[in-house]
């Protein structure tokens, strides 16, 4: 499976891991929210993110990575 777009990779993640129940759907939500926030920050002018936004993104990234490590350990 390949995709040349980030959105395509996210769709593949959902299709292959979230929909079959291999990964909890909350991690899909984290992935989608984080990608959307990045899109806004990259392509809209004068976007301000707060420190709490940054802390939340870091915590989500840690949780996402932890879930993937746990999944990897089961295969």
PDB file of N, CA and C in Angstrom:
ATOM      1  N   UNK A   1       0.839  -1.171   0.000  1.00  0.00           N
ATOM      2  CA  UNK A   1       0.000   0.000   0.000  1.00  0.00           C
ATOM      3  C   UNK A   1       0.890   1.241   0.000  1.00  0.00           C
ATOM      4  N   UNK A   2       0.538   2.156  -0.847  1.00  0.00           N
ATOM      5  CA  UNK A   2       1.271   3.416  -0.892  1.00  0.00           C
ATOM      6  C   UNK A   2       0.305   4.550  -1.194  1.00  0.00           C
ATOM      7  N   UNK A   3       0.778   5.727  -0.869  1.00  0.00           N
ATOM      8  CA  UNK A   3       0.050   6.936  -1.216  1.00  0.00           C
ATOM      9  C   UNK A   3       1.063   8.071  -1.272  1.00  0.00           C
ATOM     10  N   UNK A   4       0.858   8.978  -2.182  1.00  0.00           N
ATOM     11  CA  UNK A   4       1.765  10.109  -2.305  1.00  0.00           C
ATOM     12  C   UNK A   4       1.285  11.319  -1.500  1.00  0.00           C
ATOM     13  N   UNK A   5       0.143  11.192  -0.855  1.00  0.00           N
ATOM     14  CA  UNK A   5      -0.442  12.298  -0.091  1.00  0.00           C
ATOM     15  C   UNK A   5      -0.627  11.892   1.369  1.00  0.00           C
ATOM     16  N   UNK A   6      -0.468  12.861   2.261  1.00  0.00           N
ATOM     17  CA  UNK A   6      -0.697  12.589   3.678  1.00  0.00           C
ATOM     18  C   UNK A   6      -2.132  12.132   3.925  1.00  0.00           C
ATOM     19  N   UNK A   7      -3.073  12.783   3.286  1.00  0.00           N
ATOM     20  CA  UNK A   7      -4.484  12.427   3.465  1.00  0.00           C
ATOM     21  C   UNK A   7      -4.718  10.973   3.046  1.00  0.00           C
ATOM     22  N   UNK A   8      -4.031  10.527   2.004  1.00  0.00           N
ATOM     23  CA  UNK A   8      -4.148   9.139   1.556  1.00  0.00           C
ATOM     24  C   UNK A   8      -3.600   8.155   2.579  1.00  0.00           C
ATOM     25  N   UNK A   9      -2.501   8.504   3.219  1.00  0.00           N
ATOM     26  CA  UNK A   9      -1.922   7.648   4.256  1.00  0.00           C
ATOM     27  C   UNK A   9      -2.880   7.555   5.441  1.00  0.00           C
ATOM     28  N   UNK A  10      -3.482   8.673   5.802  1.00  0.00           N
ATOM     29  CA  UNK A  10      -4.446   8.674   6.899  1.00  0.00           C
ATOM     30  C   UNK A  10      -5.636   7.783   6.550  1.00  0.00           C
ATOM     31  N   UNK A  11      -6.104   7.858   5.330  1.00  0.00           N
ATOM     32  CA  UNK A  11      -7.220   6.998   4.895  1.00  0.00           C
ATOM     33  C   UNK A  11      -6.838   5.522   4.956  1.00  0.00           C
ATOM     34  N   UNK A  12      -5.625   5.210   4.529  1.00  0.00           N
ATOM     35  CA  UNK A  12      -5.154   3.824   4.605  1.00  0.00           C
ATOM     36  C   UNK A  12      -5.051   3.353   6.052  1.00  0.00           C
ATOM     37  N   UNK A  13      -4.575   4.223   6.930  1.00  0.00           N
ATOM     38  CA  UNK A  13      -4.496   3.896   8.352  1.00  0.00           C
ATOM     39  C   UNK A  13      -5.883   3.546   8.888  1.00  0.00           C
ATOM     40  N   UNK A  14      -6.859   4.383   8.563  1.00  0.00           N
ATOM     41  CA  UNK A  14      -8.231   4.128   9.008  1.00  0.00           C
ATOM     42  C   UNK A  14      -8.765   2.807   8.450  1.00  0.00           C
ATOM     43  N   UNK A  15      -8.551   2.594   7.165  1.00  0.00           N
ATOM     44  CA  UNK A  15      -9.071   1.406   6.496  1.00  0.00           C
ATOM     45  C   UNK A  15      -8.437   0.119   7.025  1.00  0.00           C
ATOM     46  N   UNK A  16      -7.133   0.140   7.197  1.00  0.00           N
ATOM     47  CA  UNK A  16      -6.405  -1.088   7.549  1.00  0.00           C
ATOM     48  C   UNK A  16      -6.321  -1.363   9.049  1.00  0.00           C
ATOM     49  N   UNK A  17      -6.374  -0.334   9.869  1.00  0.00           N
ATOM     50  CA  UNK A  17      -6.153  -0.531  11.298  1.00  0.00           C
ATOM     51  C   UNK A  17      -7.333  -0.133  12.178  1.00  0.00           C
ATOM     52  N   UNK A  18      -8.009   0.959  11.852  1.00  0.00           N
ATOM     53  CA  UNK A  18      -9.084   1.444  12.718  1.00  0.00           C
ATOM     54  C   UNK A  18     -10.388   0.694  12.437  1.00  0.00           C
ATOM     55  N   UNK A  19     -10.800   0.642  11.189  1.00  0.00           N
ATOM     56  CA  UNK A  19     -12.079  -0.015  10.869  1.00  0.00           C
ATOM     57  C   UNK A  19     -12.116  -1.482  11.274  1.00  0.00           C
ATOM     58  N   UNK A  20     -11.017  -2.237  11.093  1.00  0.00           N
ATOM     59  CA  UNK A  20     -11.046  -3.637  11.552  1.00  0.00           C
ATOM     60  C   UNK A  20     -10.913  -3.788  13.076  1.00  0.00           C
ATOM     61  N   UNK A  21     -10.709  -2.686  13.783  1.00  0.00           N
ATOM     62  CA  UNK A  21     -10.613  -2.738  15.236  1.00  0.00           C
ATOM     63  C   UNK A  21      -9.234  -3.062  15.775  1.00  0.00           C
ATOM     64  N   UNK A  22      -8.218  -2.978  14.940  1.00  0.00           N
ATOM     65  CA  UNK A  22      -6.858  -3.260  15.389  1.00  0.00           C
ATOM     66  C   UNK A  22      -6.297  -2.115  16.238  1.00  0.00           C
ATOM     67  N   UNK A  23      -6.716  -0.902  15.923  1.00  0.00           N
ATOM     68  CA  UNK A  23      -6.307   0.303  16.648  1.00  0.00           C
ATOM     69  C   UNK A  23      -7.587   1.037  17.046  1.00  0.00           C
ATOM     70  N   UNK A  24      -7.636   1.512  18.276  1.00  0.00           N
ATOM     71  CA  UNK A  24      -8.806   2.237  18.772  1.00  0.00           C
ATOM     72  C   UNK A  24      -9.074   3.478  17.927  1.00  0.00           C
ATOM     73  N   UNK A  25     -10.353   3.761  17.696  1.00  0.00           N
ATOM     74  CA  UNK A  25     -10.717   4.885  16.826  1.00  0.00           C
ATOM     75  C   UNK A  25     -10.322   6.243  17.395  1.00  0.00           C
ATOM     76  N   UNK A  26     -10.025   6.330  18.683  1.00  0.00           N
ATOM     77  CA  UNK A  26      -9.590   7.621  19.235  1.00  0.00           C
ATOM     78  C   UNK A  26      -8.258   8.053  18.633  1.00  0.00           C
ATOM     79  N   UNK A  27      -7.445   7.078  18.206  1.00  0.00           N
ATOM     80  CA  UNK A  27      -6.170   7.431  17.586  1.00  0.00           C
ATOM     81  C   UNK A  27      -6.377   7.949  16.163  1.00  0.00           C
ATOM     82  N   UNK A  28      -7.405   7.501  15.515  1.00  0.00           N
ATOM     83  CA  UNK A  28      -7.770   8.067  14.221  1.00  0.00           C
ATOM     84  C   UNK A  28      -8.186   9.521  14.395  1.00  0.00           C
ATOM     85  N   UNK A  29      -8.977   9.776  15.428  1.00  0.00           N
ATOM     86  CA  UNK A  29      -9.413  11.147  15.707  1.00  0.00           C
ATOM     87  C   UNK A  29      -8.213  12.044  15.984  1.00  0.00           C
ATOM     88  N   UNK A  30      -7.268  11.552  16.774  1.00  0.00           N
ATOM     89  CA  UNK A  30      -6.047  12.311  17.058  1.00  0.00           C
ATOM     90  C   UNK A  30      -5.308  12.610  15.758  1.00  0.00           C
ATOM     91  N   UNK A  31      -5.159  11.606  14.921  1.00  0.00           N
ATOM     92  CA  UNK A  31      -4.437  11.778  13.656  1.00  0.00           C
ATOM     93  C   UNK A  31      -5.115  12.804  12.763  1.00  0.00           C
ATOM     94  N   UNK A  32      -6.425  12.719  12.638  1.00  0.00           N
ATOM     95  CA  UNK A  32      -7.172  13.661  11.805  1.00  0.00           C
ATOM     96  C   UNK A  32      -7.095  15.085  12.361  1.00  0.00           C
ATOM     97  N   UNK A  33      -7.284  15.231  13.662  1.00  0.00           N
ATOM     98  CA  UNK A  33      -7.237  16.570  14.271  1.00  0.00           C
ATOM     99  C   UNK A  33      -5.860  17.204  14.126  1.00  0.00           C
ATOM    100  N   UNK A  34      -4.828  16.405  14.343  1.00  0.00           N
ATOM    101  CA  UNK A  34      -3.464  16.929  14.243  1.00  0.00           C
ATOM    102  C   UNK A  34      -3.130  17.307  12.806  1.00  0.00           C
ATOM    103  N   UNK A  35      -3.533  16.481  11.860  1.00  0.00           N
ATOM    104  CA  UNK A  35      -3.289  16.806  10.452  1.00  0.00           C
ATOM    105  C   UNK A  35      -4.032  18.081  10.060  1.00  0.00           C
ATOM    106  N   UNK A  36      -5.276  18.199  10.483  1.00  0.00           N
ATOM    107  CA  UNK A  36      -6.061  19.396  10.155  1.00  0.00           C
ATOM    108  C   UNK A  36      -5.426  20.653  10.756  1.00  0.00           C
ATOM    109  N   UNK A  37      -4.934  20.548  11.994  1.00  0.00           N
ATOM    110  CA  UNK A  37      -4.267  21.690  12.634  1.00  0.00           C
ATOM    111  C   UNK A  37      -3.000  22.075  11.868  1.00  0.00           C
ATOM    112  N   UNK A  38      -2.274  21.091  11.409  1.00  0.00           N
ATOM    113  CA  UNK A  38      -1.071  21.367  10.620  1.00  0.00           C
ATOM    114  C   UNK A  38      -1.420  22.052   9.303  1.00  0.00           C
ATOM    115  N   UNK A  39      -2.484  21.606   8.666  1.00  0.00           N
ATOM    116  CA  UNK A  39      -2.918  22.231   7.418  1.00  0.00           C
ATOM    117  C   UNK A  39      -3.255  23.702   7.636  1.00  0.00           C
ATOM    118  N   UNK A  40      -3.977  23.982   8.704  1.00  0.00           N
ATOM    119  CA  UNK A  40      -4.339  25.366   9.021  1.00  0.00           C
ATOM    120  C   UNK A  40      -3.077  26.191   9.261  1.00  0.00           C
ATOM    121  N   UNK A  41      -2.173  25.660  10.077  1.00  0.00           N
ATOM    122  CA  UNK A  41      -0.946  26.401  10.405  1.00  0.00           C
ATOM    123  C   UNK A  41      -0.076  26.630   9.171  1.00  0.00           C
ATOM    124  N   UNK A  42      -0.060  25.668   8.265  1.00  0.00           N
ATOM    125  CA  UNK A  42       0.792  25.787   7.073  1.00  0.00           C
ATOM    126  C   UNK A  42       0.213  26.713   6.007  1.00  0.00           C
ATOM    127  N   UNK A  43      -1.098  26.741   5.880  1.00  0.00           N
ATOM    128  CA  UNK A  43      -1.677  27.390   4.711  1.00  0.00           C
ATOM    129  C   UNK A  43      -2.558  28.607   4.980  1.00  0.00           C
ATOM    130  N   UNK A  44      -2.819  28.916   6.228  1.00  0.00           N
ATOM    131  CA  UNK A  44      -3.584  30.120   6.517  1.00  0.00           C
ATOM    132  C   UNK A  44      -2.653  31.172   7.106  1.00  0.00           C
ATOM    133  N   UNK A  45      -2.962  32.403   6.826  1.00  0.00           N
ATOM    134  CA  UNK A  45      -2.123  33.492   7.310  1.00  0.00           C
ATOM    135  C   UNK A  45      -2.420  33.808   8.769  1.00  0.00           C
ATOM    136  N   UNK A  46      -1.379  34.176   9.478  1.00  0.00           N
ATOM    137  CA  UNK A  46      -1.478  34.680  10.846  1.00  0.00           C
ATOM    138  C   UNK A  46      -2.238  33.766  11.799  1.00  0.00           C
ATOM    139  N   UNK A  47      -1.897  32.504  11.781  1.00  0.00           N
ATOM    140  CA  UNK A  47      -2.510  31.553  12.698  1.00  0.00           C
ATOM    141  C   UNK A  47      -1.727  31.585  14.004  1.00  0.00           C
ATOM    142  N   UNK A  48      -2.443  31.744  15.093  1.00  0.00           N
ATOM    143  CA  UNK A  48      -1.804  31.745  16.398  1.00  0.00           C
ATOM    144  C   UNK A  48      -2.210  30.491  17.159  1.00  0.00           C
ATOM    145  N   UNK A  49      -1.220  29.771  17.616  1.00  0.00           N
ATOM    146  CA  UNK A  49      -1.469  28.602  18.442  1.00  0.00           C
ATOM    147  C   UNK A  49      -0.995  28.912  19.853  1.00  0.00           C
ATOM    148  N   UNK A  50      -1.761  28.499  20.816  1.00  0.00           N
ATOM    149  CA  UNK A  50      -1.409  28.759  22.207  1.00  0.00           C
ATOM    150  C   UNK A  50      -0.465  27.678  22.731  1.00  0.00           C
ATOM    151  N   UNK A  51       0.096  27.958  23.878  1.00  0.00           N
ATOM    152  CA  UNK A  51       0.942  26.957  24.514  1.00  0.00           C
ATOM    153  C   UNK A  51       0.123  25.709  24.849  1.00  0.00           C
ATOM    154  N   UNK A  52      -1.115  25.895  25.249  1.00  0.00           N
ATOM    155  CA  UNK A  52      -1.957  24.731  25.554  1.00  0.00           C
ATOM    156  C   UNK A  52      -2.242  23.907  24.302  1.00  0.00           C
ATOM    157  N   UNK A  53      -2.352  24.562  23.135  1.00  0.00           N
ATOM    158  CA  UNK A  53      -2.502  23.832  21.874  1.00  0.00           C
ATOM    159  C   UNK A  53      -1.277  22.953  21.615  1.00  0.00           C
ATOM    160  N   UNK A  54      -0.109  23.528  21.858  1.00  0.00           N
ATOM    161  CA  UNK A  54       1.137  22.791  21.641  1.00  0.00           C
ATOM    162  C   UNK A  54       1.266  21.627  22.615  1.00  0.00           C
ATOM    163  N   UNK A  55       0.950  21.866  23.872  1.00  0.00           N
ATOM    164  CA  UNK A  55       1.016  20.802  24.880  1.00  0.00           C
ATOM    165  C   UNK A  55       0.046  19.680  24.527  1.00  0.00           C
ATOM    166  N   UNK A  56      -1.141  20.043  24.096  1.00  0.00           N
ATOM    167  CA  UNK A  56      -2.143  19.034  23.710  1.00  0.00           C
ATOM    168  C   UNK A  56      -1.637  18.207  22.526  1.00  0.00           C
ATOM    169  N   UNK A  57      -1.053  18.856  21.544  1.00  0.00           N
ATOM    170  CA  UNK A  57      -0.530  18.140  20.378  1.00  0.00           C
ATOM    171  C   UNK A  57       0.585  17.176  20.780  1.00  0.00           C
ATOM    172  N   UNK A  58       1.441  17.593  21.675  1.00  0.00           N
ATOM    173  CA  UNK A  58       2.525  16.729  22.138  1.00  0.00           C
ATOM    174  C   UNK A  58       1.967  15.526  22.893  1.00  0.00           C
ATOM    175  N   UNK A  59       1.002  15.762  23.758  1.00  0.00           N
ATOM    176  CA  UNK A  59       0.392  14.659  24.505  1.00  0.00           C
ATOM    177  C   UNK A  59      -0.313  13.683  23.564  1.00  0.00           C
ATOM    178  N   UNK A  60      -0.987  14.200  22.571  1.00  0.00           N
ATOM    179  CA  UNK A  60      -1.630  13.330  21.580  1.00  0.00           C
ATOM    180  C   UNK A  60      -0.592  12.511  20.822  1.00  0.00           C
ATOM    181  N   UNK A  61       0.507  13.149  20.454  1.00  0.00           N
ATOM    182  CA  UNK A  61       1.559  12.433  19.726  1.00  0.00           C
ATOM    183  C   UNK A  61       2.144  11.317  20.583  1.00  0.00           C
ATOM    184  N   UNK A  62       2.358  11.585  21.857  1.00  0.00           N
ATOM    185  CA  UNK A  62       2.877  10.554  22.760  1.00  0.00           C
ATOM    186  C   UNK A  62       1.902   9.392  22.881  1.00  0.00           C
ATOM    187  N   UNK A  63       0.621   9.688  23.035  1.00  0.00           N
ATOM    188  CA  UNK A  63      -0.394   8.642  23.154  1.00  0.00           C
ATOM    189  C   UNK A  63      -0.480   7.817  21.871  1.00  0.00           C
ATOM    190  N   UNK A  64      -0.432   8.501  20.726  1.00  0.00           N
ATOM    191  CA  UNK A  64      -0.493   7.828  19.428  1.00  0.00           C
ATOM    192  C   UNK A  64       0.691   6.886  19.265  1.00  0.00           C
ATOM    193  N   UNK A  65       1.880   7.382  19.559  1.00  0.00           N
ATOM    194  CA  UNK A  65       3.090   6.571  19.438  1.00  0.00           C
ATOM    195  C   UNK A  65       3.039   5.371  20.383  1.00  0.00           C
ATOM    196  N   UNK A  66       2.581   5.589  21.595  1.00  0.00           N
ATOM    197  CA  UNK A  66       2.464   4.500  22.559  1.00  0.00           C
ATOM    198  C   UNK A  66       1.504   3.424  22.058  1.00  0.00           C
ATOM    199  N   UNK A  67       0.383   3.834  21.511  1.00  0.00           N
ATOM    200  CA  UNK A  67      -0.593   2.872  20.980  1.00  0.00           C
ATOM    201  C   UNK A  67       0.001   2.070  19.833  1.00  0.00           C
ATOM    202  N   UNK A  68       0.754   2.725  18.969  1.00  0.00           N
ATOM    203  CA  UNK A  68       1.364   2.011  17.845  1.00  0.00           C
ATOM    204  C   UNK A  68       2.435   1.034  18.321  1.00  0.00           C
ATOM    205  N   UNK A  69       3.185   1.424  19.337  1.00  0.00           N
ATOM    206  CA  UNK A  69       4.191   0.508  19.893  1.00  0.00           C
ATOM    207  C   UNK A  69       3.522  -0.711  20.515  1.00  0.00           C
ATOM    208  N   UNK A  70       2.416  -0.492  21.222  1.00  0.00           N
ATOM    209  CA  UNK A  70       1.686  -1.614  21.809  1.00  0.00           C
ATOM    210  C   UNK A  70       1.131  -2.526  20.730  1.00  0.00           C
ATOM    211  N   UNK A  71       0.610  -1.939  19.669  1.00  0.00           N
ATOM    212  CA  UNK A  71       0.095  -2.741  18.555  1.00  0.00           C
ATOM    213  C   UNK A  71       1.209  -3.548  17.930  1.00  0.00           C
ATOM    214  N   UNK A  72       2.341  -2.930  17.694  1.00  0.00           N
ATOM    215  CA  UNK A  72       3.481  -3.616  17.073  1.00  0.00           C
ATOM    216  C   UNK A  72       3.925  -4.809  17.918  1.00  0.00           C
ATOM    217  N   UNK A  73       3.850  -4.659  19.241  1.00  0.00           N
ATOM    218  CA  UNK A  73       4.262  -5.743  20.134  1.00  0.00           C
ATOM    219  C   UNK A  73       3.333  -6.957  20.044  1.00  0.00           C
ATOM    220  N   UNK A  74       2.115  -6.743  19.546  1.00  0.00           N
ATOM    221  CA  UNK A  74       1.157  -7.846  19.466  1.00  0.00           C
ATOM    222  C   UNK A  74       1.222  -8.609  18.151  1.00  0.00           C
ATOM    223  N   UNK A  75       1.953  -8.078  17.186  1.00  0.00           N
ATOM    224  CA  UNK A  75       1.994  -8.773  15.882  1.00  0.00           C
ATOM    225  C   UNK A  75       3.274  -9.565  15.711  1.00  0.00           C
TER     226      UNK A  75
END
